[in-house]
């Protein structure tokens, strides 16, 4: 599974509607409304690198009100949830 973090600039007056449209896309697991340079951050998870082109420029960037995207592909994922699950294997509560 390939994870991409997509930073998105939008029309400020349409952030909620744009976030909902992005969140409804297949391969988008979460969308966060944030402060700072960007308005939204979307987590995109796909099976192949080629699929990123279909999702990000092919769908996200074409949503009316999306002005720009900046994509970062994750090399590895570290998660407290994953660590806790690994240490809990074989333990009875």
PDB file of N, CA and C in Angstrom:
ATOM      1  N   UNK A   1       0.848  -1.177   0.000  1.00  0.00           N
ATOM      2  CA  UNK A   1       0.000   0.000   0.000  1.00  0.00           C
ATOM      3  C   UNK A   1       0.893   1.240   0.000  1.00  0.00           C
ATOM      4  N   UNK A   2       0.634   2.148  -0.905  1.00  0.00           N
ATOM      5  CA  UNK A   2       1.378   3.399  -1.013  1.00  0.00           C
ATOM      6  C   UNK A   2       0.531   4.510  -0.418  1.00  0.00           C
ATOM      7  N   UNK A   3       1.146   5.289   0.472  1.00  0.00           N
ATOM      8  CA  UNK A   3       0.440   6.389   1.117  1.00  0.00           C
ATOM      9  C   UNK A   3       1.005   7.710   0.622  1.00  0.00           C
ATOM     10  N   UNK A   4       0.112   8.603   0.219  1.00  0.00           N
ATOM     11  CA  UNK A   4       0.512   9.954  -0.178  1.00  0.00           C
ATOM     12  C   UNK A   4      -0.217  10.954   0.705  1.00  0.00           C
ATOM     13  N   UNK A   5       0.523  11.963   1.133  1.00  0.00           N
ATOM     14  CA  UNK A   5      -0.046  13.065   1.897  1.00  0.00           C
ATOM     15  C   UNK A   5      -0.181  14.219   0.902  1.00  0.00           C
ATOM     16  N   UNK A   6      -1.410  14.668   0.687  1.00  0.00           N
ATOM     17  CA  UNK A   6      -1.658  15.691  -0.325  1.00  0.00           C
ATOM     18  C   UNK A   6      -2.077  16.984   0.367  1.00  0.00           C
ATOM     19  N   UNK A   7      -1.249  18.014   0.221  1.00  0.00           N
ATOM     20  CA  UNK A   7      -1.541  19.339   0.765  1.00  0.00           C
ATOM     21  C   UNK A   7      -2.313  20.094  -0.310  1.00  0.00           C
ATOM     22  N   UNK A   8      -3.447  20.687   0.089  1.00  0.00           N
ATOM     23  CA  UNK A   8      -4.367  21.249  -0.906  1.00  0.00           C
ATOM     24  C   UNK A   8      -4.730  22.694  -0.573  1.00  0.00           C
ATOM     25  N   UNK A   9      -4.572  23.572  -1.572  1.00  0.00           N
ATOM     26  CA  UNK A   9      -5.059  24.951  -1.458  1.00  0.00           C
ATOM     27  C   UNK A   9      -6.399  25.018  -2.161  1.00  0.00           C
ATOM     28  N   UNK A  10      -7.363  25.688  -1.527  1.00  0.00           N
ATOM     29  CA  UNK A  10      -8.710  25.761  -2.082  1.00  0.00           C
ATOM     30  C   UNK A  10      -9.255  27.174  -2.032  1.00  0.00           C
ATOM     31  N   UNK A  11     -10.430  27.348  -2.613  1.00  0.00           N
ATOM     32  CA  UNK A  11     -11.183  28.584  -2.417  1.00  0.00           C
ATOM     33  C   UNK A  11     -11.636  28.569  -0.962  1.00  0.00           C
ATOM     34  N   UNK A  12     -11.231  29.570  -0.203  1.00  0.00           N
ATOM     35  CA  UNK A  12     -11.472  29.583   1.244  1.00  0.00           C
ATOM     36  C   UNK A  12     -12.958  29.515   1.592  1.00  0.00           C
ATOM     37  N   UNK A  13     -13.789  30.114   0.789  1.00  0.00           N
ATOM     38  CA  UNK A  13     -15.224  30.131   1.099  1.00  0.00           C
ATOM     39  C   UNK A  13     -15.912  28.797   0.803  1.00  0.00           C
ATOM     40  N   UNK A  14     -15.176  27.821   0.244  1.00  0.00           N
ATOM     41  CA  UNK A  14     -15.775  26.536  -0.125  1.00  0.00           C
ATOM     42  C   UNK A  14     -15.084  25.343   0.528  1.00  0.00           C
ATOM     43  N   UNK A  15     -14.272  25.586   1.559  1.00  0.00           N
ATOM     44  CA  UNK A  15     -13.493  24.505   2.172  1.00  0.00           C
ATOM     45  C   UNK A  15     -14.350  23.307   2.589  1.00  0.00           C
ATOM     46  N   UNK A  16     -15.457  23.497   3.310  1.00  0.00           N
ATOM     47  CA  UNK A  16     -16.228  22.309   3.740  1.00  0.00           C
ATOM     48  C   UNK A  16     -16.750  21.461   2.579  1.00  0.00           C
ATOM     49  N   UNK A  17     -17.285  22.107   1.547  1.00  0.00           N
ATOM     50  CA  UNK A  17     -17.822  21.362   0.403  1.00  0.00           C
ATOM     51  C   UNK A  17     -16.717  20.631  -0.357  1.00  0.00           C
ATOM     52  N   UNK A  18     -15.587  21.296  -0.528  1.00  0.00           N
ATOM     53  CA  UNK A  18     -14.465  20.681  -1.238  1.00  0.00           C
ATOM     54  C   UNK A  18     -13.925  19.502  -0.431  1.00  0.00           C
ATOM     55  N   UNK A  19     -13.801  19.669   0.874  1.00  0.00           N
ATOM     56  CA  UNK A  19     -13.318  18.585   1.735  1.00  0.00           C
ATOM     57  C   UNK A  19     -14.236  17.368   1.644  1.00  0.00           C
ATOM     58  N   UNK A  20     -15.535  17.589   1.632  1.00  0.00           N
ATOM     59  CA  UNK A  20     -16.489  16.483   1.528  1.00  0.00           C
ATOM     60  C   UNK A  20     -16.373  15.764   0.189  1.00  0.00           C
ATOM     61  N   UNK A  21     -16.183  16.513  -0.874  1.00  0.00           N
ATOM     62  CA  UNK A  21     -16.043  15.890  -2.201  1.00  0.00           C
ATOM     63  C   UNK A  21     -14.763  15.070  -2.287  1.00  0.00           C
ATOM     64  N   UNK A  22     -13.687  15.591  -1.714  1.00  0.00           N
ATOM     65  CA  UNK A  22     -12.423  14.852  -1.722  1.00  0.00           C
ATOM     66  C   UNK A  22     -12.547  13.590  -0.869  1.00  0.00           C
ATOM     67  N   UNK A  23     -13.147  13.716   0.300  1.00  0.00           N
ATOM     68  CA  UNK A  23     -13.298  12.572   1.207  1.00  0.00           C
ATOM     69  C   UNK A  23     -14.139  11.459   0.589  1.00  0.00           C
ATOM     70  N   UNK A  24     -15.032  11.806  -0.316  1.00  0.00           N
ATOM     71  CA  UNK A  24     -15.899  10.814  -0.951  1.00  0.00           C
ATOM     72  C   UNK A  24     -15.187  10.023  -2.057  1.00  0.00           C
ATOM     73  N   UNK A  25     -13.998  10.465  -2.450  1.00  0.00           N
ATOM     74  CA  UNK A  25     -13.271   9.777  -3.513  1.00  0.00           C
ATOM     75  C   UNK A  25     -12.702   8.455  -3.019  1.00  0.00           C
ATOM     76  N   UNK A  26     -12.767   7.449  -3.901  1.00  0.00           N
ATOM     77  CA  UNK A  26     -12.134   6.176  -3.601  1.00  0.00           C
ATOM     78  C   UNK A  26     -10.633   6.405  -3.461  1.00  0.00           C
ATOM     79  N   UNK A  27      -9.995   5.754  -2.543  1.00  0.00           N
ATOM     80  CA  UNK A  27      -8.562   5.847  -2.234  1.00  0.00           C
ATOM     81  C   UNK A  27      -8.219   6.986  -1.282  1.00  0.00           C
ATOM     82  N   UNK A  28      -9.166   7.858  -0.963  1.00  0.00           N
ATOM     83  CA  UNK A  28      -8.921   8.918   0.020  1.00  0.00           C
ATOM     84  C   UNK A  28      -9.451   8.412   1.357  1.00  0.00           C
ATOM     85  N   UNK A  29      -8.542   8.271   2.332  1.00  0.00           N
ATOM     86  CA  UNK A  29      -8.965   7.718   3.622  1.00  0.00           C
ATOM     87  C   UNK A  29      -9.388   8.792   4.616  1.00  0.00           C
ATOM     88  N   UNK A  30      -8.743   9.960   4.590  1.00  0.00           N
ATOM     89  CA  UNK A  30      -9.101  11.059   5.481  1.00  0.00           C
ATOM     90  C   UNK A  30      -8.826  12.382   4.788  1.00  0.00           C
ATOM     91  N   UNK A  31      -9.552  13.390   5.230  1.00  0.00           N
ATOM     92  CA  UNK A  31      -9.294  14.766   4.805  1.00  0.00           C
ATOM     93  C   UNK A  31      -9.350  15.630   6.056  1.00  0.00           C
ATOM     94  N   UNK A  32      -8.323  16.443   6.244  1.00  0.00           N
ATOM     95  CA  UNK A  32      -8.241  17.311   7.414  1.00  0.00           C
ATOM     96  C   UNK A  32      -8.304  18.770   6.975  1.00  0.00           C
ATOM     97  N   UNK A  33      -9.106  19.568   7.647  1.00  0.00           N
ATOM     98  CA  UNK A  33      -9.103  21.007   7.462  1.00  0.00           C
ATOM     99  C   UNK A  33      -8.061  21.550   8.435  1.00  0.00           C
ATOM    100  N   UNK A  34      -7.099  22.333   7.932  1.00  0.00           N
ATOM    101  CA  UNK A  34      -5.960  22.743   8.753  1.00  0.00           C
ATOM    102  C   UNK A  34      -5.689  24.245   8.637  1.00  0.00           C
ATOM    103  N   UNK A  35      -4.867  24.734   9.547  1.00  0.00           N
ATOM    104  CA  UNK A  35      -4.407  26.120   9.476  1.00  0.00           C
ATOM    105  C   UNK A  35      -3.075  26.149   8.745  1.00  0.00           C
ATOM    106  N   UNK A  36      -2.663  27.319   8.321  1.00  0.00           N
ATOM    107  CA  UNK A  36      -1.359  27.452   7.684  1.00  0.00           C
ATOM    108  C   UNK A  36      -1.469  27.743   6.203  1.00  0.00           C
ATOM    109  N   UNK A  37      -0.437  27.403   5.482  1.00  0.00           N
ATOM    110  CA  UNK A  37      -0.335  27.692   4.060  1.00  0.00           C
ATOM    111  C   UNK A  37      -1.385  26.960   3.236  1.00  0.00           C
ATOM    112  N   UNK A  38      -1.726  25.758   3.658  1.00  0.00           N
ATOM    113  CA  UNK A  38      -2.706  24.941   2.933  1.00  0.00           C
ATOM    114  C   UNK A  38      -4.017  24.915   3.701  1.00  0.00           C
ATOM    115  N   UNK A  39      -5.095  24.604   3.006  1.00  0.00           N
ATOM    116  CA  UNK A  39      -6.425  24.575   3.612  1.00  0.00           C
ATOM    117  C   UNK A  39      -6.852  23.169   4.022  1.00  0.00           C
ATOM    118  N   UNK A  40      -6.415  22.173   3.242  1.00  0.00           N
ATOM    119  CA  UNK A  40      -6.796  20.786   3.497  1.00  0.00           C
ATOM    120  C   UNK A  40      -5.580  19.879   3.351  1.00  0.00           C
ATOM    121  N   UNK A  41      -5.615  18.769   4.072  1.00  0.00           N
ATOM    122  CA  UNK A  41      -4.637  17.700   3.891  1.00  0.00           C
ATOM    123  C   UNK A  41      -5.425  16.417   3.677  1.00  0.00           C
ATOM    124  N   UNK A  42      -5.109  15.714   2.592  1.00  0.00           N
ATOM    125  CA  UNK A  42      -5.792  14.459   2.293  1.00  0.00           C
ATOM    126  C   UNK A  42      -4.790  13.315   2.360  1.00  0.00           C
ATOM    127  N   UNK A  43      -5.227  12.205   2.929  1.00  0.00           N
ATOM    128  CA  UNK A  43      -4.430  10.987   2.968  1.00  0.00           C
ATOM    129  C   UNK A  43      -4.955  10.086   1.856  1.00  0.00           C
ATOM    130  N   UNK A  44      -4.081   9.756   0.925  1.00  0.00           N
ATOM    131  CA  UNK A  44      -4.456   8.915  -0.220  1.00  0.00           C
ATOM    132  C   UNK A  44      -3.681   7.612  -0.117  1.00  0.00           C
ATOM    133  N   UNK A  45      -4.402   6.500  -0.223  1.00  0.00           N
ATOM    134  CA  UNK A  45      -3.775   5.182  -0.158  1.00  0.00           C
ATOM    135  C   UNK A  45      -4.145   4.389  -1.408  1.00  0.00           C
ATOM    136  N   UNK A  46      -3.113   3.961  -2.139  1.00  0.00           N
ATOM    137  CA  UNK A  46      -3.319   3.222  -3.385  1.00  0.00           C
ATOM    138  C   UNK A  46      -2.391   2.008  -3.429  1.00  0.00           C
ATOM    139  N   UNK A  47      -2.682   1.093  -4.341  1.00  0.00           N
ATOM    140  CA  UNK A  47      -1.872  -0.116  -4.475  1.00  0.00           C
ATOM    141  C   UNK A  47      -0.604   0.127  -5.296  1.00  0.00           C
ATOM    142  N   UNK A  48      -0.682   1.000  -6.305  1.00  0.00           N
ATOM    143  CA  UNK A  48       0.445   1.211  -7.212  1.00  0.00           C
ATOM    144  C   UNK A  48       0.728   2.705  -7.375  1.00  0.00           C
ATOM    145  N   UNK A  49       1.991   3.033  -7.616  1.00  0.00           N
ATOM    146  CA  UNK A  49       2.352   4.437  -7.832  1.00  0.00           C
ATOM    147  C   UNK A  49       1.544   5.053  -8.972  1.00  0.00           C
ATOM    148  N   UNK A  50       1.295   4.267 -10.003  1.00  0.00           N
ATOM    149  CA  UNK A  50       0.553   4.775 -11.150  1.00  0.00           C
ATOM    150  C   UNK A  50      -0.849   5.246 -10.752  1.00  0.00           C
ATOM    151  N   UNK A  51      -1.402   4.624  -9.717  1.00  0.00           N
ATOM    152  CA  UNK A  51      -2.744   5.002  -9.258  1.00  0.00           C
ATOM    153  C   UNK A  51      -2.784   6.411  -8.668  1.00  0.00           C
ATOM    154  N   UNK A  52      -1.634   6.898  -8.187  1.00  0.00           N
ATOM    155  CA  UNK A  52      -1.591   8.263  -7.635  1.00  0.00           C
ATOM    156  C   UNK A  52      -1.955   9.282  -8.709  1.00  0.00           C
ATOM    157  N   UNK A  53      -1.510   9.050  -9.942  1.00  0.00           N
ATOM    158  CA  UNK A  53      -1.813   9.982 -11.029  1.00  0.00           C
ATOM    159  C   UNK A  53      -3.307  10.025 -11.307  1.00  0.00           C
ATOM    160  N   UNK A  54      -3.964   8.901 -11.167  1.00  0.00           N
ATOM    161  CA  UNK A  54      -5.405   8.865 -11.400  1.00  0.00           C
ATOM    162  C   UNK A  54      -6.157   9.615 -10.300  1.00  0.00           C
ATOM    163  N   UNK A  55      -5.717   9.450  -9.069  1.00  0.00           N
ATOM    164  CA  UNK A  55      -6.436  10.039  -7.936  1.00  0.00           C
ATOM    165  C   UNK A  55      -6.132  11.517  -7.757  1.00  0.00           C
ATOM    166  N   UNK A  56      -4.859  11.896  -7.764  1.00  0.00           N
ATOM    167  CA  UNK A  56      -4.507  13.276  -7.398  1.00  0.00           C
ATOM    168  C   UNK A  56      -4.734  14.252  -8.563  1.00  0.00           C
ATOM    169  N   UNK A  57      -3.955  14.197  -9.636  1.00  0.00           N
ATOM    170  CA  UNK A  57      -4.273  15.138 -10.722  1.00  0.00           C
ATOM    171  C   UNK A  57      -5.542  14.760 -11.479  1.00  0.00           C
ATOM    172  N   UNK A  58      -5.878  13.474 -11.489  1.00  0.00           N
ATOM    173  CA  UNK A  58      -7.036  13.024 -12.250  1.00  0.00           C
ATOM    174  C   UNK A  58      -8.374  13.289 -11.600  1.00  0.00           C
ATOM    175  N   UNK A  59      -8.416  13.341 -10.265  1.00  0.00           N
ATOM    176  CA  UNK A  59      -9.694  13.555  -9.573  1.00  0.00           C
ATOM    177  C   UNK A  59      -9.659  14.740  -8.609  1.00  0.00           C
ATOM    178  N   UNK A  60      -8.722  14.719  -7.660  1.00  0.00           N
ATOM    179  CA  UNK A  60      -8.684  15.784  -6.647  1.00  0.00           C
ATOM    180  C   UNK A  60      -8.507  17.151  -7.302  1.00  0.00           C
ATOM    181  N   UNK A  61      -7.520  17.276  -8.179  1.00  0.00           N
ATOM    182  CA  UNK A  61      -7.225  18.582  -8.795  1.00  0.00           C
ATOM    183  C   UNK A  61      -8.340  19.084  -9.694  1.00  0.00           C
ATOM    184  N   UNK A  62      -9.227  18.192 -10.132  1.00  0.00           N
ATOM    185  CA  UNK A  62     -10.316  18.595 -11.020  1.00  0.00           C
ATOM    186  C   UNK A  62     -11.585  19.017 -10.276  1.00  0.00           C
ATOM    187  N   UNK A  63     -11.581  18.905  -8.961  1.00  0.00           N
ATOM    188  CA  UNK A  63     -12.736  19.346  -8.184  1.00  0.00           C
ATOM    189  C   UNK A  63     -12.777  20.876  -8.216  1.00  0.00           C
ATOM    190  N   UNK A  64     -13.901  21.467  -8.593  1.00  0.00           N
ATOM    191  CA  UNK A  64     -13.999  22.928  -8.633  1.00  0.00           C
ATOM    192  C   UNK A  64     -13.665  23.536  -7.264  1.00  0.00           C
ATOM    193  N   UNK A  65     -12.769  24.521  -7.283  1.00  0.00           N
ATOM    194  CA  UNK A  65     -12.351  25.179  -6.056  1.00  0.00           C
ATOM    195  C   UNK A  65     -10.986  24.734  -5.573  1.00  0.00           C
ATOM    196  N   UNK A  66     -10.491  23.593  -6.067  1.00  0.00           N
ATOM    197  CA  UNK A  66      -9.130  23.172  -5.733  1.00  0.00           C
ATOM    198  C   UNK A  66      -8.190  24.007  -6.594  1.00  0.00           C
ATOM    199  N   UNK A  67      -7.288  24.743  -5.930  1.00  0.00           N
ATOM    200  CA  UNK A  67      -6.401  25.655  -6.642  1.00  0.00           C
ATOM    201  C   UNK A  67      -5.015  25.080  -6.879  1.00  0.00           C
ATOM    202  N   UNK A  68      -4.525  24.263  -5.932  1.00  0.00           N
ATOM    203  CA  UNK A  68      -3.185  23.691  -6.062  1.00  0.00           C
ATOM    204  C   UNK A  68      -3.043  22.507  -5.110  1.00  0.00           C
ATOM    205  N   UNK A  69      -2.153  21.591  -5.488  1.00  0.00           N
ATOM    206  CA  UNK A  69      -1.838  20.469  -4.603  1.00  0.00           C
ATOM    207  C   UNK A  69      -0.327  20.323  -4.518  1.00  0.00           C
ATOM    208  N   UNK A  70       0.124  19.764  -3.410  1.00  0.00           N
ATOM    209  CA  UNK A  70       1.533  19.463  -3.177  1.00  0.00           C
ATOM    210  C   UNK A  70       1.551  18.070  -2.553  1.00  0.00           C
ATOM    211  N   UNK A  71       2.098  17.093  -3.266  1.00  0.00           N
ATOM    212  CA  UNK A  71       2.008  15.700  -2.849  1.00  0.00           C
ATOM    213  C   UNK A  71       3.321  15.191  -2.281  1.00  0.00           C
ATOM    214  N   UNK A  72       3.228  14.478  -1.163  1.00  0.00           N
ATOM    215  CA  UNK A  72       4.372  13.848  -0.515  1.00  0.00           C
ATOM    216  C   UNK A  72       4.080  12.361  -0.379  1.00  0.00           C
ATOM    217  N   UNK A  73       4.956  11.519  -0.940  1.00  0.00           N
ATOM    218  CA  UNK A  73       4.764  10.075  -0.863  1.00  0.00           C
ATOM    219  C   UNK A  73       5.565   9.547   0.319  1.00  0.00           C
ATOM    220  N   UNK A  74       4.914   8.743   1.145  1.00  0.00           N
ATOM    221  CA  UNK A  74       5.557   8.190   2.341  1.00  0.00           C
ATOM    222  C   UNK A  74       6.465   7.019   1.971  1.00  0.00           C
ATOM    223  N   UNK A  75       7.670   6.985   2.566  1.00  0.00           N
ATOM    224  CA  UNK A  75       8.564   5.841   2.404  1.00  0.00           C
ATOM    225  C   UNK A  75       8.166   4.720   3.358  1.00  0.00           C
ATOM    226  N   UNK A  76       7.891   5.099   4.597  1.00  0.00           N
ATOM    227  CA  UNK A  76       7.488   4.154   5.634  1.00  0.00           C
ATOM    228  C   UNK A  76       6.402   4.792   6.475  1.00  0.00           C
ATOM    229  N   UNK A  77       5.647   3.934   7.152  1.00  0.00           N
ATOM    230  CA  UNK A  77       4.618   4.415   8.065  1.00  0.00           C
ATOM    231  C   UNK A  77       4.950   3.945   9.469  1.00  0.00           C
ATOM    232  N   UNK A  78       4.952   4.864  10.409  1.00  0.00           N
ATOM    233  CA  UNK A  78       5.163   4.550  11.810  1.00  0.00           C
ATOM    234  C   UNK A  78       3.900   4.948  12.544  1.00  0.00           C
ATOM    235  N   UNK A  79       3.385   4.053  13.375  1.00  0.00           N
ATOM    236  CA  UNK A  79       2.128   4.329  14.047  1.00  0.00           C
ATOM    237  C   UNK A  79       2.149   3.767  15.450  1.00  0.00           C
ATOM    238  N   UNK A  80       1.717   4.557  16.418  1.00  0.00           N
ATOM    239  CA  UNK A  80       1.611   4.080  17.791  1.00  0.00           C
ATOM    240  C   UNK A  80       0.638   2.911  17.853  1.00  0.00           C
ATOM    241  N   UNK A  81      -0.421   2.972  17.082  1.00  0.00           N
ATOM    242  CA  UNK A  81      -1.411   1.894  17.045  1.00  0.00           C
ATOM    243  C   UNK A  81      -0.754   0.585  16.611  1.00  0.00           C
ATOM    244  N   UNK A  82       0.091   0.638  15.577  1.00  0.00           N
ATOM    245  CA  UNK A  82       0.773  -0.557  15.086  1.00  0.00           C
ATOM    246  C   UNK A  82       1.732  -1.116  16.126  1.00  0.00           C
ATOM    247  N   UNK A  83       2.447  -0.231  16.825  1.00  0.00           N
ATOM    248  CA  UNK A  83       3.381  -0.688  17.853  1.00  0.00           C
ATOM    249  C   UNK A  83       2.655  -1.372  19.010  1.00  0.00           C
ATOM    250  N   UNK A  84       1.554  -0.782  19.446  1.00  0.00           N
ATOM    251  CA  UNK A  84       0.786  -1.375  20.536  1.00  0.00           C
ATOM    252  C   UNK A  84       0.248  -2.746  20.142  1.00  0.00           C
ATOM    253  N   UNK A  85      -0.234  -2.882  18.909  1.00  0.00           N
ATOM    254  CA  UNK A  85      -0.763  -4.166  18.433  1.00  0.00           C
ATOM    255  C   UNK A  85       0.348  -5.224  18.367  1.00  0.00           C
ATOM    256  N   UNK A  86       1.531  -4.837  17.940  1.00  0.00           N
ATOM    257  CA  UNK A  86       2.641  -5.791  17.850  1.00  0.00           C
ATOM    258  C   UNK A  86       3.043  -6.309  19.221  1.00  0.00           C
ATOM    259  N   UNK A  87       3.086  -5.431  20.219  1.00  0.00           N
ATOM    260  CA  UNK A  87       3.476  -5.859  21.561  1.00  0.00           C
ATOM    261  C   UNK A  87       2.389  -6.653  22.250  1.00  0.00           C
ATOM    262  N   UNK A  88       1.156  -6.530  21.787  1.00  0.00           N
ATOM    263  CA  UNK A  88       0.025  -7.229  22.404  1.00  0.00           C
ATOM    264  C   UNK A  88      -0.178  -8.640  21.845  1.00  0.00           C
ATOM    265  N   UNK A  89       0.536  -9.002  20.792  1.00  0.00           N
ATOM    266  CA  UNK A  89       0.349 -10.326  20.187  1.00  0.00           C
ATOM    267  C   UNK A  89       0.692 -11.401  21.203  1.00  0.00           C
ATOM    268  N   UNK A  90      -0.244 -12.320  21.405  1.00  0.00           N
ATOM    269  CA  UNK A  90      -0.013 -13.440  22.305  1.00  0.00           C
ATOM    270  C   UNK A  90      -0.305 -13.154  23.769  1.00  0.00           C
ATOM    271  N   UNK A  91      -0.652 -11.936  24.086  1.00  0.00           N
ATOM    272  CA  UNK A  91      -0.949 -11.587  25.471  1.00  0.00           C
ATOM    273  C   UNK A  91      -2.450 -11.665  25.711  1.00  0.00           C
ATOM    274  N   UNK A  92      -2.846 -12.258  26.811  1.00  0.00           N
ATOM    275  CA  UNK A  92      -4.246 -12.290  27.183  1.00  0.00           C
ATOM    276  C   UNK A  92      -4.532 -11.170  28.156  1.00  0.00           C
ATOM    277  N   UNK A  93      -5.646 -10.498  27.940  1.00  0.00           N
ATOM    278  CA  UNK A  93      -6.001  -9.390  28.827  1.00  0.00           C
ATOM    279  C   UNK A  93      -6.702  -9.881  30.053  1.00  0.00           C
TER     280      UNK A  93
END
